[in-house]
Amino acid sequence: MISSQQQEAVDAAITSRRSIRAFLDKPVEQADIARILEVAARAPSGTNTQPWKVYVLTGQARTALSDAILAVHTRPELSRQHTEEYAYYPREWVSPFIDRRRKVGWDLYSLLGLTREDKAGMAAQHARNFRFFDAPVGLIFTIDRIMEQGSWLDYGMFLQNIMVAARGRGLDTCPQAAFTQYHRIIAEQLSLPANERVVCGMALGWADPSKIENSLVTEREPLSTFVHFVN
């Protein structure tokens, strides 16, 4: 039986989860990381396949991966040679999805004082993805190439569990699809076996409350726009 206090704690962990883009220079204990991942692994998966694999990067390992990616990302003639292995976003954008995408982008850039004309500023902000936004922990997630769409749905629940379990400990995260463009560099840096495909990355650490970008709270649609009660 779940008490009302426990219910409120779970709800608070879920609703307080945000994509944090600036972290404190404060380490996260390995035991806490391990416990978060252990809890997250209780996510459901079809016939208990548990399709997730996680690479936890700290210290020099995290820095080395960031340096390798940024050495390419900052040079357009090189970055153009790197493309995603799978389509995260739709190939053709339509409303309302493109409207939501644009709004959250400009909401963030406005907080940072970036205008549409400041292409260099926007590029620099995007590049911060590859430093894990200075979080002390970088996570890289992979999946076996034989797994199909259902296992990717399972993977999403695992990722959400990580983010909620982190919030329950006062930690914050930022899930990062940006890493998928550089899957070949990641595979080389982490010596990934050929059967593993990069799903995404994630920053994990302590949010820096002094940074304006961390004040961004994205909007959610009211239930009436996406819920149908059928009696």
C-alpha atoms as a PDB file:
ATOM      1  CA  MET A   1       0.000   0.000   0.000  1.00  0.00           C
ATOM      2  CA  ILE A   2       1.393   3.386  -1.042  1.00  0.00           C
ATOM      3  CA  SER A   3       0.872   6.190   1.465  1.00  0.00           C
ATOM      4  CA  SER A   4      -0.169   9.681   0.388  1.00  0.00           C
ATOM      5  CA  GLN A   5       3.291  10.905   1.420  1.00  0.00           C
ATOM      6  CA  GLN A   6       4.961   8.352  -0.826  1.00  0.00           C
ATOM      7  CA  GLN A   7       2.613   9.263  -3.661  1.00  0.00           C
ATOM      8  CA  GLU A   8       3.506  12.932  -3.298  1.00  0.00           C
ATOM      9  CA  ALA A   9       7.216  12.098  -3.300  1.00  0.00           C
ATOM     10  CA  VAL A  10       6.895  10.130  -6.540  1.00  0.00           C
ATOM     11  CA  ASP A  11       4.815  12.867  -8.152  1.00  0.00           C
ATOM     12  CA  ALA A  12       7.338  15.492  -7.059  1.00  0.00           C
ATOM     13  CA  ALA A  13      10.248  13.524  -8.552  1.00  0.00           C
ATOM     14  CA  ILE A  14       8.413  13.237 -11.881  1.00  0.00           C
ATOM     15  CA  THR A  15       7.091  16.795 -12.119  1.00  0.00           C
ATOM     16  CA  SER A  16      10.347  18.411 -10.985  1.00  0.00           C
ATOM     17  CA  ARG A  17      12.359  16.650 -13.678  1.00  0.00           C
ATOM     18  CA  ARG A  18      13.716  19.138 -16.204  1.00  0.00           C
ATOM     19  CA  SER A  19      16.487  19.139 -18.785  1.00  0.00           C
ATOM     20  CA  ILE A  20      19.299  20.897 -16.948  1.00  0.00           C
ATOM     21  CA  ARG A  21      21.959  22.591 -19.071  1.00  0.00           C
ATOM     22  CA  ALA A  22      24.443  23.827 -16.456  1.00  0.00           C
ATOM     23  CA  PHE A  23      25.873  21.785 -13.592  1.00  0.00           C
ATOM     24  CA  LEU A  24      27.977  22.419 -10.514  1.00  0.00           C
ATOM     25  CA  ASP A  25      31.552  21.183 -10.312  1.00  0.00           C
ATOM     26  CA  LYS A  26      30.539  18.717  -7.634  1.00  0.00           C
ATOM     27  CA  PRO A  27      31.114  14.963  -7.924  1.00  0.00           C
ATOM     28  CA  VAL A  28      28.437  12.299  -7.698  1.00  0.00           C
ATOM     29  CA  GLU A  29      29.337   9.256  -5.642  1.00  0.00           C
ATOM     30  CA  GLN A  30      29.739   6.097  -7.708  1.00  0.00           C
ATOM     31  CA  ALA A  31      27.552   4.243  -5.216  1.00  0.00           C
ATOM     32  CA  ASP A  32      24.727   6.712  -5.908  1.00  0.00           C
ATOM     33  CA  ILE A  33      25.119   6.297  -9.679  1.00  0.00           C
ATOM     34  CA  ALA A  34      25.056   2.536  -9.291  1.00  0.00           C
ATOM     35  CA  ARG A  35      21.935   2.633  -7.126  1.00  0.00           C
ATOM     36  CA  ILE A  36      20.116   4.921  -9.582  1.00  0.00           C
ATOM     37  CA  LEU A  37      20.851   2.526 -12.432  1.00  0.00           C
ATOM     38  CA  GLU A  38      19.903  -0.474 -10.302  1.00  0.00           C
ATOM     39  CA  VAL A  39      16.534   1.099  -9.494  1.00  0.00           C
ATOM     40  CA  ALA A  40      16.022   2.181 -13.114  1.00  0.00           C
ATOM     41  CA  ALA A  41      16.566  -1.365 -14.326  1.00  0.00           C
ATOM     42  CA  ARG A  42      13.202  -2.268 -12.799  1.00  0.00           C
ATOM     43  CA  ALA A  43      11.688  -0.700 -15.928  1.00  0.00           C
ATOM     44  CA  PRO A  44       9.419  -3.097 -17.807  1.00  0.00           C
ATOM     45  CA  SER A  45      10.614  -4.684 -21.018  1.00  0.00           C
ATOM     46  CA  GLY A  46       8.897  -7.107 -23.377  1.00  0.00           C
ATOM     47  CA  THR A  47       9.460 -10.671 -22.132  1.00  0.00           C
ATOM     48  CA  ASN A  48      12.072  -9.234 -19.751  1.00  0.00           C
ATOM     49  CA  THR A  49      14.608  -8.650 -22.534  1.00  0.00           C
ATOM     50  CA  GLN A  50      16.176  -5.672 -20.685  1.00  0.00           C
ATOM     51  CA  PRO A  51      17.719  -4.178 -23.853  1.00  0.00           C
ATOM     52  CA  TRP A  52      19.740  -1.426 -22.172  1.00  0.00           C
ATOM     53  CA  LYS A  53      23.475  -1.068 -21.748  1.00  0.00           C
ATOM     54  CA  VAL A  54      25.074   1.950 -20.048  1.00  0.00           C
ATOM     55  CA  TYR A  55      28.578   3.426 -20.161  1.00  0.00           C
ATOM     56  CA  VAL A  56      29.237   5.697 -17.187  1.00  0.00           C
ATOM     57  CA  LEU A  57      31.883   8.320 -17.918  1.00  0.00           C
ATOM     58  CA  THR A  58      33.594  10.452 -15.304  1.00  0.00           C
ATOM     59  CA  GLY A  59      36.902  12.252 -15.021  1.00  0.00           C
ATOM     60  CA  GLN A  60      39.367  11.738 -17.856  1.00  0.00           C
ATOM     61  CA  ALA A  61      37.129   9.302 -19.724  1.00  0.00           C
ATOM     62  CA  ARG A  62      34.356  11.889 -19.959  1.00  0.00           C
ATOM     63  CA  THR A  63      36.803  14.609 -20.974  1.00  0.00           C
ATOM     64  CA  ALA A  64      38.434  12.441 -23.637  1.00  0.00           C
ATOM     65  CA  LEU A  65      35.108  11.669 -25.311  1.00  0.00           C
ATOM     66  CA  SER A  66      34.082  15.333 -25.231  1.00  0.00           C
ATOM     67  CA  ASP A  67      37.406  16.436 -26.699  1.00  0.00           C
ATOM     68  CA  ALA A  68      37.228  13.877 -29.501  1.00  0.00           C
ATOM     69  CA  ILE A  69      33.712  14.899 -30.511  1.00  0.00           C
ATOM     70  CA  LEU A  70      34.349  18.643 -30.286  1.00  0.00           C
ATOM     71  CA  ALA A  71      37.498  18.334 -32.392  1.00  0.00           C
ATOM     72  CA  VAL A  72      35.160  17.278 -35.208  1.00  0.00           C
ATOM     73  CA  HIS A  73      31.987  19.168 -34.306  1.00  0.00           C
ATOM     74  CA  THR A  74      33.691  22.571 -34.422  1.00  0.00           C
ATOM     75  CA  ARG A  75      34.912  21.975 -37.988  1.00  0.00           C
ATOM     76  CA  PRO A  76      31.984  21.901 -40.448  1.00  0.00           C
ATOM     77  CA  GLU A  77      33.984  20.118 -43.137  1.00  0.00           C
ATOM     78  CA  LEU A  78      34.455  17.252 -40.675  1.00  0.00           C
ATOM     79  CA  SER A  79      31.119  17.304 -38.845  1.00  0.00           C
ATOM     80  CA  ARG A  80      29.267  16.940 -42.153  1.00  0.00           C
ATOM     81  CA  GLN A  81      30.837  13.506 -42.480  1.00  0.00           C
ATOM     82  CA  HIS A  82      28.992  12.333 -39.361  1.00  0.00           C
ATOM     83  CA  THR A  83      25.289  11.518 -39.448  1.00  0.00           C
ATOM     84  CA  GLU A  84      22.837   9.794 -37.115  1.00  0.00           C
ATOM     85  CA  GLU A  85      22.269   6.070 -37.453  1.00  0.00           C
ATOM     86  CA  TYR A  86      18.541   6.421 -36.808  1.00  0.00           C
ATOM     87  CA  ALA A  87      15.999   9.190 -37.245  1.00  0.00           C
ATOM     88  CA  TYR A  88      15.090  10.628 -33.862  1.00  0.00           C
ATOM     89  CA  TYR A  89      12.962  13.405 -35.302  1.00  0.00           C
ATOM     90  CA  PRO A  90      10.379  13.244 -38.116  1.00  0.00           C
ATOM     91  CA  ARG A  91      11.719  13.667 -41.637  1.00  0.00           C
ATOM     92  CA  GLU A  92       8.958  16.187 -42.323  1.00  0.00           C
ATOM     93  CA  TRP A  93       7.842  18.606 -39.619  1.00  0.00           C
ATOM     94  CA  VAL A  94       4.181  19.584 -39.274  1.00  0.00           C
ATOM     95  CA  SER A  95       2.136  21.529 -36.733  1.00  0.00           C
ATOM     96  CA  PRO A  96       1.800  21.265 -33.748  1.00  0.00           C
ATOM     97  CA  PHE A  97       5.144  19.503 -33.358  1.00  0.00           C
ATOM     98  CA  ILE A  98       7.240  22.060 -35.229  1.00  0.00           C
ATOM     99  CA  ASP A  99       5.559  24.854 -33.239  1.00  0.00           C
ATOM    100  CA  ARG A 100       6.488  23.251 -29.931  1.00  0.00           C
ATOM    101  CA  ARG A 101      10.037  22.612 -31.117  1.00  0.00           C
ATOM    102  CA  ARG A 102      10.530  26.217 -32.190  1.00  0.00           C
ATOM    103  CA  LYS A 103       9.034  27.599 -28.993  1.00  0.00           C
ATOM    104  CA  VAL A 104      11.252  25.656 -26.636  1.00  0.00           C
ATOM    105  CA  GLY A 105      14.297  26.555 -28.714  1.00  0.00           C
ATOM    106  CA  TRP A 106      13.585  30.269 -28.686  1.00  0.00           C
ATOM    107  CA  ASP A 107      12.537  30.206 -25.031  1.00  0.00           C
ATOM    108  CA  LEU A 108      15.991  28.839 -24.184  1.00  0.00           C
ATOM    109  CA  TYR A 109      17.873  31.193 -26.477  1.00  0.00           C
ATOM    110  CA  SER A 110      15.930  34.184 -25.147  1.00  0.00           C
ATOM    111  CA  LEU A 111      16.982  33.346 -21.594  1.00  0.00           C
ATOM    112  CA  LEU A 112      20.575  33.219 -22.795  1.00  0.00           C
ATOM    113  CA  GLY A 113      20.241  36.518 -24.655  1.00  0.00           C
ATOM    114  CA  LEU A 114      20.748  34.884 -28.052  1.00  0.00           C
ATOM    115  CA  THR A 115      18.992  36.351 -31.074  1.00  0.00           C
ATOM    116  CA  ARG A 116      18.217  34.742 -34.422  1.00  0.00           C
ATOM    117  CA  GLU A 117      21.174  36.597 -35.910  1.00  0.00           C
ATOM    118  CA  ASP A 118      23.644  35.226 -33.354  1.00  0.00           C
ATOM    119  CA  LYS A 119      24.484  32.018 -35.176  1.00  0.00           C
ATOM    120  CA  ALA A 120      27.839  31.711 -33.409  1.00  0.00           C
ATOM    121  CA  GLY A 121      26.195  31.978 -29.998  1.00  0.00           C
ATOM    122  CA  MET A 122      23.617  29.343 -30.838  1.00  0.00           C
ATOM    123  CA  ALA A 123      26.320  27.043 -32.199  1.00  0.00           C
ATOM    124  CA  ALA A 124      28.358  27.470 -29.021  1.00  0.00           C
ATOM    125  CA  GLN A 125      25.345  26.629 -26.878  1.00  0.00           C
ATOM    126  CA  HIS A 126      24.652  23.510 -28.947  1.00  0.00           C
ATOM    127  CA  ALA A 127      28.292  22.464 -28.631  1.00  0.00           C
ATOM    128  CA  ARG A 128      27.931  22.451 -24.834  1.00  0.00           C
ATOM    129  CA  ASN A 129      25.954  19.223 -25.293  1.00  0.00           C
ATOM    130  CA  PHE A 130      29.231  17.471 -25.981  1.00  0.00           C
ATOM    131  CA  ARG A 131      30.676  18.603 -22.655  1.00  0.00           C
ATOM    132  CA  PHE A 132      27.607  17.082 -20.995  1.00  0.00           C
ATOM    133  CA  PHE A 133      26.878  20.686 -19.964  1.00  0.00           C
ATOM    134  CA  ASP A 134      29.814  20.343 -17.552  1.00  0.00           C
ATOM    135  CA  ALA A 135      28.048  17.655 -15.531  1.00  0.00           C
ATOM    136  CA  PRO A 136      30.447  15.428 -13.561  1.00  0.00           C
ATOM    137  CA  VAL A 137      28.851  12.302 -15.027  1.00  0.00           C
ATOM    138  CA  GLY A 138      28.174  11.502 -18.649  1.00  0.00           C
ATOM    139  CA  LEU A 139      26.089   8.483 -19.592  1.00  0.00           C
ATOM    140  CA  ILE A 140      26.122   6.842 -23.007  1.00  0.00           C
ATOM    141  CA  PHE A 141      23.365   4.335 -23.775  1.00  0.00           C
ATOM    142  CA  THR A 142      23.540   1.571 -26.356  1.00  0.00           C
ATOM    143  CA  ILE A 143      21.259  -1.157 -27.637  1.00  0.00           C
ATOM    144  CA  ASP A 144      21.940  -4.378 -29.523  1.00  0.00           C
ATOM    145  CA  ARG A 145      21.361  -3.912 -33.234  1.00  0.00           C
ATOM    146  CA  ILE A 146      19.047  -6.923 -33.436  1.00  0.00           C
ATOM    147  CA  MET A 147      16.467  -5.260 -31.183  1.00  0.00           C
ATOM    148  CA  GLU A 148      13.386  -3.762 -32.841  1.00  0.00           C
ATOM    149  CA  GLN A 149      10.979  -0.896 -32.174  1.00  0.00           C
ATOM    150  CA  GLY A 150       9.358  -2.440 -29.104  1.00  0.00           C
ATOM    151  CA  SER A 151      12.697  -2.615 -27.319  1.00  0.00           C
ATOM    152  CA  TRP A 152      13.244   1.084 -28.015  1.00  0.00           C
ATOM    153  CA  LEU A 153       9.935   1.763 -26.260  1.00  0.00           C
ATOM    154  CA  ASP A 154      11.224  -0.263 -23.320  1.00  0.00           C
ATOM    155  CA  TYR A 155      14.434   1.741 -23.398  1.00  0.00           C
ATOM    156  CA  GLY A 156      12.515   4.986 -23.019  1.00  0.00           C
ATOM    157  CA  MET A 157      10.998   3.734 -19.768  1.00  0.00           C
ATOM    158  CA  PHE A 158      14.470   2.827 -18.505  1.00  0.00           C
ATOM    159  CA  LEU A 159      15.749   6.322 -19.336  1.00  0.00           C
ATOM    160  CA  GLN A 160      12.799   7.932 -17.567  1.00  0.00           C
ATOM    161  CA  ASN A 161      13.439   5.788 -14.504  1.00  0.00           C
ATOM    162  CA  ILE A 162      17.012   7.063 -14.366  1.00  0.00           C
ATOM    163  CA  MET A 163      15.871  10.676 -14.495  1.00  0.00           C
ATOM    164  CA  VAL A 164      13.188  10.193 -11.843  1.00  0.00           C
ATOM    165  CA  ALA A 165      15.483   8.196  -9.537  1.00  0.00           C
ATOM    166  CA  ALA A 166      18.065  10.968  -9.887  1.00  0.00           C
ATOM    167  CA  ARG A 167      15.485  13.591  -8.891  1.00  0.00           C
ATOM    168  CA  GLY A 168      14.600  11.516  -5.846  1.00  0.00           C
ATOM    169  CA  ARG A 169      18.198  12.056  -4.714  1.00  0.00           C
ATOM    170  CA  GLY A 170      18.307  15.771  -5.498  1.00  0.00           C
ATOM    171  CA  LEU A 171      20.255  15.221  -8.713  1.00  0.00           C
ATOM    172  CA  ASP A 172      19.392  16.454 -12.187  1.00  0.00           C
ATOM    173  CA  THR A 173      19.814  15.202 -15.727  1.00  0.00           C
ATOM    174  CA  CYS A 174      19.634  16.168 -19.366  1.00  0.00           C
ATOM    175  CA  PRO A 175      18.854  13.451 -21.934  1.00  0.00           C
ATOM    176  CA  GLN A 176      20.844  14.183 -25.091  1.00  0.00           C
ATOM    177  CA  ALA A 177      20.008  12.918 -28.561  1.00  0.00           C
ATOM    178  CA  ALA A 178      22.761  15.194 -29.919  1.00  0.00           C
ATOM    179  CA  PHE A 179      25.350  12.496 -29.292  1.00  0.00           C
ATOM    180  CA  THR A 180      23.858  10.184 -31.922  1.00  0.00           C
ATOM    181  CA  GLN A 181      25.435  12.186 -34.758  1.00  0.00           C
ATOM    182  CA  TYR A 182      28.863  11.135 -33.519  1.00  0.00           C
ATOM    183  CA  HIS A 183      28.196   7.460 -32.921  1.00  0.00           C
ATOM    184  CA  ARG A 184      31.364   6.454 -34.803  1.00  0.00           C
ATOM    185  CA  ILE A 185      33.541   8.579 -32.530  1.00  0.00           C
ATOM    186  CA  ILE A 186      31.746   7.225 -29.460  1.00  0.00           C
ATOM    187  CA  ALA A 187      32.201   3.654 -30.670  1.00  0.00           C
ATOM    188  CA  GLU A 188      35.927   4.239 -31.125  1.00  0.00           C
ATOM    189  CA  GLN A 189      36.424   6.019 -27.809  1.00  0.00           C
ATOM    190  CA  LEU A 190      34.489   3.434 -25.800  1.00  0.00           C
ATOM    191  CA  SER A 191      35.576   0.410 -27.846  1.00  0.00           C
ATOM    192  CA  LEU A 192      31.955  -0.540 -28.474  1.00  0.00           C
ATOM    193  CA  PRO A 193      31.391  -3.970 -29.993  1.00  0.00           C
ATOM    194  CA  ALA A 194      30.026  -3.928 -33.544  1.00  0.00           C
ATOM    195  CA  ASN A 195      26.614  -5.200 -32.430  1.00  0.00           C
ATOM    196  CA  GLU A 196      25.919  -2.133 -30.241  1.00  0.00           C
ATOM    197  CA  ARG A 197      24.159   1.010 -31.499  1.00  0.00           C
ATOM    198  CA  VAL A 198      24.274   4.344 -29.671  1.00  0.00           C
ATOM    199  CA  VAL A 199      20.813   5.348 -28.409  1.00  0.00           C
ATOM    200  CA  CYS A 200      21.622   8.694 -26.749  1.00  0.00           C
ATOM    201  CA  GLY A 201      23.642  10.351 -24.032  1.00  0.00           C
ATOM    202  CA  MET A 202      22.685  11.898 -20.706  1.00  0.00           C
ATOM    203  CA  ALA A 203      24.253  14.415 -18.350  1.00  0.00           C
ATOM    204  CA  LEU A 204      23.932  13.667 -14.632  1.00  0.00           C
ATOM    205  CA  GLY A 205      24.901  15.864 -11.715  1.00  0.00           C
ATOM    206  CA  TRP A 206      23.946  18.733  -9.437  1.00  0.00           C
ATOM    207  CA  ALA A 207      22.122  21.613 -11.133  1.00  0.00           C
ATOM    208  CA  ASP A 208      23.749  25.039 -10.922  1.00  0.00           C
ATOM    209  CA  PRO A 209      20.919  27.274  -9.617  1.00  0.00           C
ATOM    210  CA  SER A 210      22.796  30.442 -10.587  1.00  0.00           C
ATOM    211  CA  LYS A 211      22.579  29.727 -14.335  1.00  0.00           C
ATOM    212  CA  ILE A 212      19.685  31.384 -16.151  1.00  0.00           C
ATOM    213  CA  GLU A 213      19.195  28.481 -18.573  1.00  0.00           C
ATOM    214  CA  ASN A 214      18.191  26.275 -15.657  1.00  0.00           C
ATOM    215  CA  SER A 215      15.161  28.468 -15.011  1.00  0.00           C
ATOM    216  CA  LEU A 216      13.534  27.196 -18.206  1.00  0.00           C
ATOM    217  CA  VAL A 217      10.360  25.224 -17.521  1.00  0.00           C
ATOM    218  CA  THR A 218       8.878  23.806 -20.702  1.00  0.00           C
ATOM    219  CA  GLU A 219       5.146  23.924 -21.212  1.00  0.00           C
ATOM    220  CA  ARG A 220       2.878  20.892 -21.331  1.00  0.00           C
ATOM    221  CA  GLU A 221      -0.399  20.579 -23.188  1.00  0.00           C
ATOM    222  CA  PRO A 222      -3.609  20.317 -21.123  1.00  0.00           C
ATOM    223  CA  LEU A 223      -5.171  16.877 -20.853  1.00  0.00           C
ATOM    224  CA  SER A 224      -8.019  17.932 -23.124  1.00  0.00           C
ATOM    225  CA  THR A 225      -5.642  18.058 -26.097  1.00  0.00           C
ATOM    226  CA  PHE A 226      -4.341  14.497 -25.832  1.00  0.00           C
ATOM    227  CA  VAL A 227      -6.622  12.442 -23.572  1.00  0.00           C
ATOM    228  CA  HIS A 228      -9.881  10.777 -24.562  1.00  0.00           C
ATOM    229  CA  PHE A 229     -11.971   9.200 -21.825  1.00  0.00           C
ATOM    230  CA  VAL A 230     -14.041   6.436 -23.370  1.00  0.00           C
ATOM    231  CA  ASN A 231     -16.867   5.048 -21.184  1.00  0.00           C
END
